[in-house]
Amino acid sequence: MLLEYILDIVVPIIIHLLEAMGVFIIFFSAVKAFFQYARRIFDFSDESIKINFARALALGLEFKMGAEILKTLLVRTLDEMFILASVVIIRIILTFVIHWEIKSETVYHQQS
């Protein structure tokens, strides 16, 4: 009973912190990538900016995925579980696509 009470208080705080960290990483790296492109007068030929931004997106999504996993501790109904599972599946797919893009861009960038 006490453990459940503590989890109900502490877990939402940790979830919000993880969500905020993921948002911060994505926001900061988006601003950084924008300014790097702006410095180059929007010359999109430098693939390293795109690769670094994709890596930051993947990292931000990992933090947000961690928050989603912790939300499973707070699920009370089966409907909530289905919604949570859907969000997790979408984020997993996004993470795999981003990692695939990073890998293909890195290989292409090394061959050039």
PDB file of N, CA and C in Angstrom:
ATOM      1  N   MET A   1       0.819  -1.184   0.000  1.00  0.00           N
ATOM      2  CA  MET A   1       0.000   0.000   0.000  1.00  0.00           C
ATOM      3  C   MET A   1       0.869   1.257   0.000  1.00  0.00           C
ATOM      4  N   LEU A   2       1.881   1.285   0.846  1.00  0.00           N
ATOM      5  CA  LEU A   2       2.781   2.435   0.915  1.00  0.00           C
ATOM      6  C   LEU A   2       3.591   2.562  -0.372  1.00  0.00           C
ATOM      7  N   LEU A   3       4.057   1.429  -0.893  1.00  0.00           N
ATOM      8  CA  LEU A   3       4.832   1.451  -2.139  1.00  0.00           C
ATOM      9  C   LEU A   3       3.990   1.986  -3.296  1.00  0.00           C
ATOM     10  N   GLU A   4       2.739   1.577  -3.370  1.00  0.00           N
ATOM     11  CA  GLU A   4       1.852   2.061  -4.419  1.00  0.00           C
ATOM     12  C   GLU A   4       1.639   3.570  -4.288  1.00  0.00           C
ATOM     13  N   TYR A   5       1.489   4.045  -3.069  1.00  0.00           N
ATOM     14  CA  TYR A   5       1.305   5.473  -2.820  1.00  0.00           C
ATOM     15  C   TYR A   5       2.547   6.256  -3.261  1.00  0.00           C
ATOM     16  N   ILE A   6       3.713   5.735  -2.920  1.00  0.00           N
ATOM     17  CA  ILE A   6       4.962   6.394  -3.315  1.00  0.00           C
ATOM     18  C   ILE A   6       5.115   6.396  -4.834  1.00  0.00           C
ATOM     19  N   LEU A   7       4.812   5.274  -5.469  1.00  0.00           N
ATOM     20  CA  LEU A   7       4.895   5.209  -6.930  1.00  0.00           C
ATOM     21  C   LEU A   7       3.944   6.198  -7.586  1.00  0.00           C
ATOM     22  N   ASP A   8       2.744   6.341  -7.036  1.00  0.00           N
ATOM     23  CA  ASP A   8       1.770   7.286  -7.586  1.00  0.00           C
ATOM     24  C   ASP A   8       2.246   8.728  -7.488  1.00  0.00           C
ATOM     25  N   ILE A   9       3.123   9.005  -6.552  1.00  0.00           N
ATOM     26  CA  ILE A   9       3.647  10.366  -6.400  1.00  0.00           C
ATOM     27  C   ILE A   9       4.939  10.564  -7.194  1.00  0.00           C
ATOM     28  N   VAL A  10       5.864   9.625  -7.097  1.00  0.00           N
ATOM     29  CA  VAL A  10       7.199   9.793  -7.675  1.00  0.00           C
ATOM     30  C   VAL A  10       7.225   9.537  -9.189  1.00  0.00           C
ATOM     31  N   VAL A  11       6.547   8.517  -9.658  1.00  0.00           N
ATOM     32  CA  VAL A  11       6.615   8.144 -11.075  1.00  0.00           C
ATOM     33  C   VAL A  11       6.141   9.267 -12.001  1.00  0.00           C
ATOM     34  N   PRO A  12       5.023   9.950 -11.719  1.00  0.00           N
ATOM     35  CA  PRO A  12       4.637  11.051 -12.612  1.00  0.00           C
ATOM     36  C   PRO A  12       5.690  12.164 -12.701  1.00  0.00           C
ATOM     37  N   ILE A  13       6.370  12.430 -11.598  1.00  0.00           N
ATOM     38  CA  ILE A  13       7.429  13.444 -11.617  1.00  0.00           C
ATOM     39  C   ILE A  13       8.565  12.994 -12.533  1.00  0.00           C
ATOM     40  N   ILE A  14       8.971  11.737 -12.408  1.00  0.00           N
ATOM     41  CA  ILE A  14      10.044  11.203 -13.261  1.00  0.00           C
ATOM     42  C   ILE A  14       9.600  11.208 -14.718  1.00  0.00           C
ATOM     43  N   ILE A  15       8.350  10.851 -14.979  1.00  0.00           N
ATOM     44  CA  ILE A  15       7.830  10.854 -16.353  1.00  0.00           C
ATOM     45  C   ILE A  15       7.915  12.252 -16.943  1.00  0.00           C
ATOM     46  N   HIS A  16       7.492  13.248 -16.185  1.00  0.00           N
ATOM     47  CA  HIS A  16       7.539  14.628 -16.683  1.00  0.00           C
ATOM     48  C   HIS A  16       8.970  15.088 -16.909  1.00  0.00           C
ATOM     49  N   LEU A  17       9.890  14.677 -16.040  1.00  0.00           N
ATOM     50  CA  LEU A  17      11.299  15.037 -16.228  1.00  0.00           C
ATOM     51  C   LEU A  17      11.862  14.416 -17.512  1.00  0.00           C
ATOM     52  N   LEU A  18      11.567  13.133 -17.731  1.00  0.00           N
ATOM     53  CA  LEU A  18      12.050  12.471 -18.947  1.00  0.00           C
ATOM     54  C   LEU A  18      11.451  13.109 -20.195  1.00  0.00           C
ATOM     55  N   GLU A  19      10.161  13.415 -20.157  1.00  0.00           N
ATOM     56  CA  GLU A  19       9.507  14.079 -21.292  1.00  0.00           C
ATOM     57  C   GLU A  19      10.171  15.437 -21.552  1.00  0.00           C
ATOM     58  N   ALA A  20      10.409  16.201 -20.482  1.00  0.00           N
ATOM     59  CA  ALA A  20      11.032  17.521 -20.629  1.00  0.00           C
ATOM     60  C   ALA A  20      12.449  17.403 -21.190  1.00  0.00           C
ATOM     61  N   MET A  21      13.196  16.402 -20.742  1.00  0.00           N
ATOM     62  CA  MET A  21      14.554  16.209 -21.266  1.00  0.00           C
ATOM     63  C   MET A  21      14.512  15.898 -22.761  1.00  0.00           C
ATOM     64  N   GLY A  22      13.593  15.026 -23.160  1.00  0.00           N
ATOM     65  CA  GLY A  22      13.464  14.695 -24.580  1.00  0.00           C
ATOM     66  C   GLY A  22      13.096  15.908 -25.410  1.00  0.00           C
ATOM     67  N   VAL A  23      12.151  16.706 -24.922  1.00  0.00           N
ATOM     68  CA  VAL A  23      11.748  17.918 -25.636  1.00  0.00           C
ATOM     69  C   VAL A  23      12.915  18.893 -25.716  1.00  0.00           C
ATOM     70  N   PHE A  24      13.647  19.063 -24.613  1.00  0.00           N
ATOM     71  CA  PHE A  24      14.792  19.977 -24.608  1.00  0.00           C
ATOM     72  C   PHE A  24      15.845  19.547 -25.616  1.00  0.00           C
ATOM     73  N   ILE A  25      16.164  18.262 -25.648  1.00  0.00           N
ATOM     74  CA  ILE A  25      17.169  17.765 -26.587  1.00  0.00           C
ATOM     75  C   ILE A  25      16.731  18.021 -28.020  1.00  0.00           C
ATOM     76  N   ILE A  26      15.480  17.727 -28.334  1.00  0.00           N
ATOM     77  CA  ILE A  26      14.977  17.931 -29.693  1.00  0.00           C
ATOM     78  C   ILE A  26      14.962  19.413 -30.040  1.00  0.00           C
ATOM     79  N   PHE A  27      14.472  20.250 -29.126  1.00  0.00           N
ATOM     80  CA  PHE A  27      14.410  21.690 -29.386  1.00  0.00           C
ATOM     81  C   PHE A  27      15.801  22.283 -29.558  1.00  0.00           C
ATOM     82  N   PHE A  28      16.704  21.983 -28.624  1.00  0.00           N
ATOM     83  CA  PHE A  28      18.055  22.535 -28.679  1.00  0.00           C
ATOM     84  C   PHE A  28      18.767  22.123 -29.959  1.00  0.00           C
ATOM     85  N   SER A  29      18.665  20.852 -30.342  1.00  0.00           N
ATOM     86  CA  SER A  29      19.356  20.386 -31.544  1.00  0.00           C
ATOM     87  C   SER A  29      18.712  20.948 -32.808  1.00  0.00           C
ATOM     88  N   ALA A  30      17.404  21.190 -32.793  1.00  0.00           N
ATOM     89  CA  ALA A  30      16.754  21.815 -33.952  1.00  0.00           C
ATOM     90  C   ALA A  30      17.237  23.247 -34.125  1.00  0.00           C
ATOM     91  N   VAL A  31      17.331  23.982 -33.035  1.00  0.00           N
ATOM     92  CA  VAL A  31      17.827  25.362 -33.105  1.00  0.00           C
ATOM     93  C   VAL A  31      19.284  25.372 -33.558  1.00  0.00           C
ATOM     94  N   LYS A  32      20.075  24.457 -33.019  1.00  0.00           N
ATOM     95  CA  LYS A  32      21.483  24.361 -33.386  1.00  0.00           C
ATOM     96  C   LYS A  32      21.634  24.054 -34.875  1.00  0.00           C
ATOM     97  N   ALA A  33      20.877  23.093 -35.386  1.00  0.00           N
ATOM     98  CA  ALA A  33      20.942  22.741 -36.806  1.00  0.00           C
ATOM     99  C   ALA A  33      20.496  23.913 -37.667  1.00  0.00           C
ATOM    100  N   PHE A  34      19.442  24.612 -37.251  1.00  0.00           N
ATOM    101  CA  PHE A  34      18.976  25.767 -38.020  1.00  0.00           C
ATOM    102  C   PHE A  34      20.072  26.824 -38.129  1.00  0.00           C
ATOM    103  N   PHE A  35      20.724  27.141 -37.010  1.00  0.00           N
ATOM    104  CA  PHE A  35      21.764  28.161 -37.048  1.00  0.00           C
ATOM    105  C   PHE A  35      22.988  27.707 -37.843  1.00  0.00           C
ATOM    106  N   GLN A  36      23.283  26.420 -37.811  1.00  0.00           N
ATOM    107  CA  GLN A  36      24.388  25.920 -38.635  1.00  0.00           C
ATOM    108  C   GLN A  36      24.072  26.078 -40.121  1.00  0.00           C
ATOM    109  N   TYR A  37      22.838  25.773 -40.508  1.00  0.00           N
ATOM    110  CA  TYR A  37      22.428  25.985 -41.901  1.00  0.00           C
ATOM    111  C   TYR A  37      22.398  27.471 -42.239  1.00  0.00           C
ATOM    112  N   ALA A  38      21.935  28.291 -41.318  1.00  0.00           N
ATOM    113  CA  ALA A  38      21.870  29.735 -41.563  1.00  0.00           C
ATOM    114  C   ALA A  38      23.269  30.321 -41.761  1.00  0.00           C
ATOM    115  N   ARG A  39      24.242  29.840 -40.985  1.00  0.00           N
ATOM    116  CA  ARG A  39      25.621  30.303 -41.148  1.00  0.00           C
ATOM    117  C   ARG A  39      26.166  29.964 -42.530  1.00  0.00           C
ATOM    118  N   ARG A  40      25.702  28.870 -43.084  1.00  0.00           N
ATOM    119  CA  ARG A  40      26.158  28.441 -44.414  1.00  0.00           C
ATOM    120  C   ARG A  40      25.219  28.963 -45.509  1.00  0.00           C
ATOM    121  N   ILE A  41      24.401  29.940 -45.168  1.00  0.00           N
ATOM    122  CA  ILE A  41      23.433  30.552 -46.082  1.00  0.00           C
ATOM    123  C   ILE A  41      22.564  29.473 -46.712  1.00  0.00           C
ATOM    124  N   PHE A  42      22.099  28.568 -45.875  1.00  0.00           N
ATOM    125  CA  PHE A  42      21.175  27.488 -46.225  1.00  0.00           C
ATOM    126  C   PHE A  42      21.681  26.637 -47.389  1.00  0.00           C
ATOM    127  N   ASP A  43      22.980  26.358 -47.336  1.00  0.00           N
ATOM    128  CA  ASP A  43      23.580  25.403 -48.267  1.00  0.00           C
ATOM    129  C   ASP A  43      23.393  24.017 -47.644  1.00  0.00           C
ATOM    130  N   PHE A  44      22.536  23.213 -48.243  1.00  0.00           N
ATOM    131  CA  PHE A  44      22.169  21.922 -47.672  1.00  0.00           C
ATOM    132  C   PHE A  44      23.100  20.785 -48.081  1.00  0.00           C
ATOM    133  N   SER A  45      24.252  21.120 -48.621  1.00  0.00           N
ATOM    134  CA  SER A  45      25.172  20.069 -49.076  1.00  0.00           C
ATOM    135  C   SER A  45      25.952  19.434 -47.919  1.00  0.00           C
ATOM    136  N   ASP A  46      26.010  20.096 -46.764  1.00  0.00           N
ATOM    137  CA  ASP A  46      26.738  19.548 -45.617  1.00  0.00           C
ATOM    138  C   ASP A  46      25.849  18.529 -44.894  1.00  0.00           C
ATOM    139  N   GLU A  47      26.108  17.260 -45.125  1.00  0.00           N
ATOM    140  CA  GLU A  47      25.293  16.188 -44.549  1.00  0.00           C
ATOM    141  C   GLU A  47      25.563  15.968 -43.064  1.00  0.00           C
ATOM    142  N   SER A  48      26.683  16.460 -42.549  1.00  0.00           N
ATOM    143  CA  SER A  48      26.997  16.234 -41.132  1.00  0.00           C
ATOM    144  C   SER A  48      25.977  16.911 -40.224  1.00  0.00           C
ATOM    145  N   ILE A  49      25.436  18.055 -40.646  1.00  0.00           N
ATOM    146  CA  ILE A  49      24.411  18.727 -39.846  1.00  0.00           C
ATOM    147  C   ILE A  49      23.171  17.842 -39.761  1.00  0.00           C
ATOM    148  N   LYS A  50      22.788  17.279 -40.892  1.00  0.00           N
ATOM    149  CA  LYS A  50      21.603  16.404 -40.926  1.00  0.00           C
ATOM    150  C   LYS A  50      21.826  15.159 -40.068  1.00  0.00           C
ATOM    151  N   ILE A  51      22.996  14.577 -40.137  1.00  0.00           N
ATOM    152  CA  ILE A  51      23.302  13.379 -39.352  1.00  0.00           C
ATOM    153  C   ILE A  51      23.280  13.695 -37.860  1.00  0.00           C
ATOM    154  N   ASN A  52      23.894  14.803 -37.473  1.00  0.00           N
ATOM    155  CA  ASN A  52      23.905  15.183 -36.054  1.00  0.00           C
ATOM    156  C   ASN A  52      22.496  15.471 -35.544  1.00  0.00           C
ATOM    157  N   PHE A  53      21.687  16.120 -36.366  1.00  0.00           N
ATOM    158  CA  PHE A  53      20.307  16.413 -35.964  1.00  0.00           C
ATOM    159  C   PHE A  53      19.509  15.116 -35.834  1.00  0.00           C
ATOM    160  N   ALA A  54      19.704  14.188 -36.750  1.00  0.00           N
ATOM    161  CA  ALA A  54      18.998  12.902 -36.672  1.00  0.00           C
ATOM    162  C   ALA A  54      19.403  12.133 -35.416  1.00  0.00           C
ATOM    163  N   ARG A  55      20.673  12.181 -35.061  1.00  0.00           N
ATOM    164  CA  ARG A  55      21.126  11.527 -33.829  1.00  0.00           C
ATOM    165  C   ARG A  55      20.473  12.149 -32.600  1.00  0.00           C
ATOM    166  N   ALA A  56      20.370  13.480 -32.604  1.00  0.00           N
ATOM    167  CA  ALA A  56      19.728  14.162 -31.479  1.00  0.00           C
ATOM    168  C   ALA A  56      18.242  13.817 -31.418  1.00  0.00           C
ATOM    169  N   LEU A  57      17.576  13.732 -32.573  1.00  0.00           N
ATOM    170  CA  LEU A  57      16.169  13.326 -32.598  1.00  0.00           C
ATOM    171  C   LEU A  57      16.006  11.931 -32.007  1.00  0.00           C
ATOM    172  N   ALA A  58      16.896  11.019 -32.394  1.00  0.00           N
ATOM    173  CA  ALA A  58      16.825   9.658 -31.869  1.00  0.00           C
ATOM    174  C   ALA A  58      17.028   9.656 -30.354  1.00  0.00           C
ATOM    175  N   LEU A  59      17.970  10.451 -29.867  1.00  0.00           N
ATOM    176  CA  LEU A  59      18.211  10.519 -28.426  1.00  0.00           C
ATOM    177  C   LEU A  59      17.004  11.105 -27.696  1.00  0.00           C
ATOM    178  N   GLY A  60      16.434  12.164 -28.246  1.00  0.00           N
ATOM    179  CA  GLY A  60      15.244  12.757 -27.641  1.00  0.00           C
ATOM    180  C   GLY A  60      14.091  11.775 -27.589  1.00  0.00           C
ATOM    181  N   LEU A  61      13.920  11.017 -28.662  1.00  0.00           N
ATOM    182  CA  LEU A  61      12.859  10.007 -28.684  1.00  0.00           C
ATOM    183  C   LEU A  61      13.106   8.901 -27.666  1.00  0.00           C
ATOM    184  N   GLU A  62      14.364   8.575 -27.423  1.00  0.00           N
ATOM    185  CA  GLU A  62      14.683   7.554 -26.419  1.00  0.00           C
ATOM    186  C   GLU A  62      14.254   8.014 -25.023  1.00  0.00           C
ATOM    187  N   PHE A  63      14.485   9.291 -24.714  1.00  0.00           N
ATOM    188  CA  PHE A  63      14.036   9.815 -23.425  1.00  0.00           C
ATOM    189  C   PHE A  63      12.518   9.763 -23.326  1.00  0.00           C
ATOM    190  N   LYS A  64      11.841  10.146 -24.396  1.00  0.00           N
ATOM    191  CA  LYS A  64      10.385  10.134 -24.397  1.00  0.00           C
ATOM    192  C   LYS A  64       9.851   8.699 -24.326  1.00  0.00           C
ATOM    193  N   MET A  65      10.571   7.764 -24.933  1.00  0.00           N
ATOM    194  CA  MET A  65      10.177   6.356 -24.853  1.00  0.00           C
ATOM    195  C   MET A  65      10.334   5.842 -23.419  1.00  0.00           C
ATOM    196  N   GLY A  66      11.371   6.278 -22.748  1.00  0.00           N
ATOM    197  CA  GLY A  66      11.548   5.907 -21.348  1.00  0.00           C
ATOM    198  C   GLY A  66      10.377   6.377 -20.500  1.00  0.00           C
ATOM    199  N   ALA A  67       9.895   7.573 -20.789  1.00  0.00           N
ATOM    200  CA  ALA A  67       8.725   8.089 -20.071  1.00  0.00           C
ATOM    201  C   ALA A  67       7.492   7.238 -20.368  1.00  0.00           C
ATOM    202  N   GLU A  68       7.340   6.837 -21.622  1.00  0.00           N
ATOM    203  CA  GLU A  68       6.190   5.994 -21.987  1.00  0.00           C
ATOM    204  C   GLU A  68       6.252   4.645 -21.269  1.00  0.00           C
ATOM    205  N   ILE A  69       7.436   4.092 -21.149  1.00  0.00           N
ATOM    206  CA  ILE A  69       7.587   2.810 -20.453  1.00  0.00           C
ATOM    207  C   ILE A  69       7.200   2.966 -18.982  1.00  0.00           C
ATOM    208  N   LEU A  70       7.614   4.063 -18.369  1.00  0.00           N
ATOM    209  CA  LEU A  70       7.233   4.290 -16.974  1.00  0.00           C
ATOM    210  C   LEU A  70       5.739   4.507 -16.819  1.00  0.00           C
ATOM    211  N   LYS A  71       5.101   5.035 -17.847  1.00  0.00           N
ATOM    212  CA  LYS A  71       3.640   5.238 -17.772  1.00  0.00           C
ATOM    213  C   LYS A  71       2.890   3.918 -17.633  1.00  0.00           C
ATOM    214  N   THR A  72       3.526   2.825 -18.023  1.00  0.00           N
ATOM    215  CA  THR A  72       2.855   1.529 -17.882  1.00  0.00           C
ATOM    216  C   THR A  72       2.598   1.205 -16.411  1.00  0.00           C
ATOM    217  N   LEU A  73       3.370   1.806 -15.509  1.00  0.00           N
ATOM    218  CA  LEU A  73       3.139   1.586 -14.072  1.00  0.00           C
ATOM    219  C   LEU A  73       1.852   2.245 -13.591  1.00  0.00           C
ATOM    220  N   LEU A  74       1.394   3.246 -14.345  1.00  0.00           N
ATOM    221  CA  LEU A  74       0.231   4.011 -13.903  1.00  0.00           C
ATOM    222  C   LEU A  74      -1.055   3.650 -14.633  1.00  0.00           C
ATOM    223  N   VAL A  75      -0.959   2.725 -15.580  1.00  0.00           N
ATOM    224  CA  VAL A  75      -2.130   2.345 -16.374  1.00  0.00           C
ATOM    225  C   VAL A  75      -3.148   1.637 -15.490  1.00  0.00           C
ATOM    226  N   ARG A  76      -4.400   2.071 -15.600  1.00  0.00           N
ATOM    227  CA  ARG A  76      -5.455   1.507 -14.774  1.00  0.00           C
ATOM    228  C   ARG A  76      -6.452   0.670 -15.576  1.00  0.00           C
ATOM    229  N   THR A  77      -6.612   0.980 -16.878  1.00  0.00           N
ATOM    230  CA  THR A  77      -7.597   0.265 -17.685  1.00  0.00           C
ATOM    231  C   THR A  77      -6.940  -0.302 -18.933  1.00  0.00           C
ATOM    232  N   LEU A  78      -7.629  -1.222 -19.568  1.00  0.00           N
ATOM    233  CA  LEU A  78      -7.137  -1.833 -20.798  1.00  0.00           C
ATOM    234  C   LEU A  78      -7.115  -0.825 -21.946  1.00  0.00           C
ATOM    235  N   ASP A  79      -8.072   0.086 -21.971  1.00  0.00           N
ATOM    236  CA  ASP A  79      -8.084   1.127 -23.005  1.00  0.00           C
ATOM    237  C   ASP A  79      -6.840   2.009 -22.913  1.00  0.00           C
ATOM    238  N   GLU A  80      -6.456   2.374 -21.703  1.00  0.00           N
ATOM    239  CA  GLU A  80      -5.230   3.157 -21.513  1.00  0.00           C
ATOM    240  C   GLU A  80      -4.014   2.378 -21.995  1.00  0.00           C
ATOM    241  N   MET A  81      -4.009   1.081 -21.760  1.00  0.00           N
ATOM    242  CA  MET A  81      -2.888   0.242 -22.196  1.00  0.00           C
ATOM    243  C   MET A  81      -2.790   0.212 -23.718  1.00  0.00           C
ATOM    244  N   PHE A  82      -3.931   0.114 -24.405  1.00  0.00           N
ATOM    245  CA  PHE A  82      -3.924   0.108 -25.874  1.00  0.00           C
ATOM    246  C   PHE A  82      -3.398   1.427 -26.423  1.00  0.00           C
ATOM    247  N   ILE A  83      -3.819   2.523 -25.837  1.00  0.00           N
ATOM    248  CA  ILE A  83      -3.345   3.837 -26.285  1.00  0.00           C
ATOM    249  C   ILE A  83      -1.851   3.957 -26.040  1.00  0.00           C
ATOM    250  N   LEU A  84      -1.407   3.558 -24.873  1.00  0.00           N
ATOM    251  CA  LEU A  84       0.011   3.620 -24.537  1.00  0.00           C
ATOM    252  C   LEU A  84       0.832   2.723 -25.454  1.00  0.00           C
ATOM    253  N   ALA A  85       0.334   1.533 -25.732  1.00  0.00           N
ATOM    254  CA  ALA A  85       1.035   0.618 -26.639  1.00  0.00           C
ATOM    255  C   ALA A  85       1.137   1.215 -28.037  1.00  0.00           C
ATOM    256  N   SER A  86       0.088   1.877 -28.490  1.00  0.00           N
ATOM    257  CA  SER A  86       0.105   2.512 -29.807  1.00  0.00           C
ATOM    258  C   SER A  86       1.178   3.595 -29.876  1.00  0.00           C
ATOM    259  N   VAL A  87       1.245   4.419 -28.836  1.00  0.00           N
ATOM    260  CA  VAL A  87       2.254   5.487 -28.796  1.00  0.00           C
ATOM    261  C   VAL A  87       3.655   4.894 -28.785  1.00  0.00           C
ATOM    262  N   VAL A  88       3.860   3.857 -27.991  1.00  0.00           N
ATOM    263  CA  VAL A  88       5.182   3.217 -27.925  1.00  0.00           C
ATOM    264  C   VAL A  88       5.565   2.623 -29.277  1.00  0.00           C
ATOM    265  N   ILE A  89       4.638   1.962 -29.938  1.00  0.00           N
ATOM    266  CA  ILE A  89       4.925   1.364 -31.249  1.00  0.00           C
ATOM    267  C   ILE A  89       5.293   2.442 -32.267  1.00  0.00           C
ATOM    268  N   ILE A  90       4.558   3.547 -32.264  1.00  0.00           N
ATOM    269  CA  ILE A  90       4.859   4.640 -33.195  1.00  0.00           C
ATOM    270  C   ILE A  90       6.245   5.207 -32.912  1.00  0.00           C
ATOM    271  N   ARG A  91       6.575   5.389 -31.648  1.00  0.00           N
ATOM    272  CA  ARG A  91       7.897   5.934 -31.305  1.00  0.00           C
ATOM    273  C   ARG A  91       9.013   4.949 -31.643  1.00  0.00           C
ATOM    274  N   ILE A  92       8.763   3.659 -31.476  1.00  0.00           N
ATOM    275  CA  ILE A  92       9.765   2.649 -31.854  1.00  0.00           C
ATOM    276  C   ILE A  92       9.998   2.700 -33.359  1.00  0.00           C
ATOM    277  N   ILE A  93       8.933   2.791 -34.134  1.00  0.00           N
ATOM    278  CA  ILE A  93       9.069   2.866 -35.589  1.00  0.00           C
ATOM    279  C   ILE A  93       9.850   4.121 -35.982  1.00  0.00           C
ATOM    280  N   LEU A  94       9.516   5.256 -35.367  1.00  0.00           N
ATOM    281  CA  LEU A  94      10.246   6.493 -35.654  1.00  0.00           C
ATOM    282  C   LEU A  94      11.728   6.355 -35.323  1.00  0.00           C
ATOM    283  N   THR A  95      12.015   5.744 -34.187  1.00  0.00           N
ATOM    284  CA  THR A  95      13.409   5.569 -33.787  1.00  0.00           C
ATOM    285  C   THR A  95      14.157   4.689 -34.781  1.00  0.00           C
ATOM    286  N   PHE A  96      13.537   3.589 -35.220  1.00  0.00           N
ATOM    287  CA  PHE A  96      14.183   2.723 -36.205  1.00  0.00           C
ATOM    288  C   PHE A  96      14.403   3.442 -37.532  1.00  0.00           C
ATOM    289  N   VAL A  97      13.430   4.227 -37.965  1.00  0.00           N
ATOM    290  CA  VAL A  97      13.577   4.965 -39.221  1.00  0.00           C
ATOM    291  C   VAL A  97      14.704   5.978 -39.111  1.00  0.00           C
ATOM    292  N   ILE A  98      14.778   6.672 -37.992  1.00  0.00           N
ATOM    293  CA  ILE A  98      15.851   7.656 -37.814  1.00  0.00           C
ATOM    294  C   ILE A  98      17.208   6.970 -37.772  1.00  0.00           C
ATOM    295  N   HIS A  99      17.308   5.852 -37.055  1.00  0.00           N
ATOM    296  CA  HIS A  99      18.586   5.126 -37.012  1.00  0.00           C
ATOM    297  C   HIS A  99      18.967   4.604 -38.396  1.00  0.00           C
ATOM    298  N   TRP A 100      17.992   4.132 -39.157  1.00  0.00           N
ATOM    299  CA  TRP A 100      18.257   3.672 -40.518  1.00  0.00           C
ATOM    300  C   TRP A 100      18.752   4.827 -41.386  1.00  0.00           C
ATOM    301  N   GLU A 101      18.130   5.999 -41.239  1.00  0.00           N
ATOM    302  CA  GLU A 101      18.557   7.165 -42.012  1.00  0.00           C
ATOM    303  C   GLU A 101      19.963   7.595 -41.625  1.00  0.00           C
ATOM    304  N   ILE A 102      20.262   7.575 -40.328  1.00  0.00           N
ATOM    305  CA  ILE A 102      21.611   7.931 -39.870  1.00  0.00           C
ATOM    306  C   ILE A 102      22.631   6.982 -40.486  1.00  0.00           C
ATOM    307  N   LYS A 103      22.330   5.686 -40.428  1.00  0.00           N
ATOM    308  CA  LYS A 103      23.259   4.694 -40.959  1.00  0.00           C
ATOM    309  C   LYS A 103      23.466   4.870 -42.458  1.00  0.00           C
ATOM    310  N   SER A 104      22.378   5.061 -43.202  1.00  0.00           N
ATOM    311  CA  SER A 104      22.514   5.205 -44.657  1.00  0.00           C
ATOM    312  C   SER A 104      23.216   6.508 -45.018  1.00  0.00           C
ATOM    313  N   GLU A 105      22.938   7.585 -44.306  1.00  0.00           N
ATOM    314  CA  GLU A 105      23.615   8.859 -44.576  1.00  0.00           C
ATOM    315  C   GLU A 105      25.091   8.785 -44.210  1.00  0.00           C
ATOM    316  N   THR A 106      25.404   8.103 -43.111  1.00  0.00           N
ATOM    317  CA  THR A 106      26.804   7.970 -42.700  1.00  0.00           C
ATOM    318  C   THR A 106      27.586   7.163 -43.725  1.00  0.00           C
ATOM    319  N   VAL A 107      27.008   6.073 -44.202  1.00  0.00           N
ATOM    320  CA  VAL A 107      27.673   5.251 -45.222  1.00  0.00           C
ATOM    321  C   VAL A 107      27.846   6.056 -46.509  1.00  0.00           C
ATOM    322  N   TYR A 108      26.799   6.760 -46.921  1.00  0.00           N
ATOM    323  CA  TYR A 108      26.861   7.566 -48.151  1.00  0.00           C
ATOM    324  C   TYR A 108      27.878   8.686 -47.990  1.00  0.00           C
ATOM    325  N   HIS A 109      27.913   9.314 -46.815  1.00  0.00           N
ATOM    326  CA  HIS A 109      28.833  10.411 -46.548  1.00  0.00           C
ATOM    327  C   HIS A 109      30.285   9.928 -46.554  1.00  0.00           C
ATOM    328  N   GLN A 110      30.541   8.708 -46.056  1.00  0.00           N
ATOM    329  CA  GLN A 110      31.897   8.160 -46.036  1.00  0.00           C
ATOM    330  C   GLN A 110      32.371   7.771 -47.426  1.00  0.00           C
ATOM    331  N   GLN A 111      31.437   7.339 -48.289  1.00  0.00           N
ATOM    332  CA  GLN A 111      31.810   6.937 -49.647  1.00  0.00           C
ATOM    333  C   GLN A 111      32.108   8.125 -50.547  1.00  0.00           C
ATOM    334  N   SER A 112      31.531   9.275 -50.213  1.00  0.00           N
ATOM    335  CA  SER A 112      31.723  10.478 -51.041  1.00  0.00           C
ATOM    336  C   SER A 112      33.076  11.085 -50.862  1.00  0.00           C
TER     337      SER A 112
END
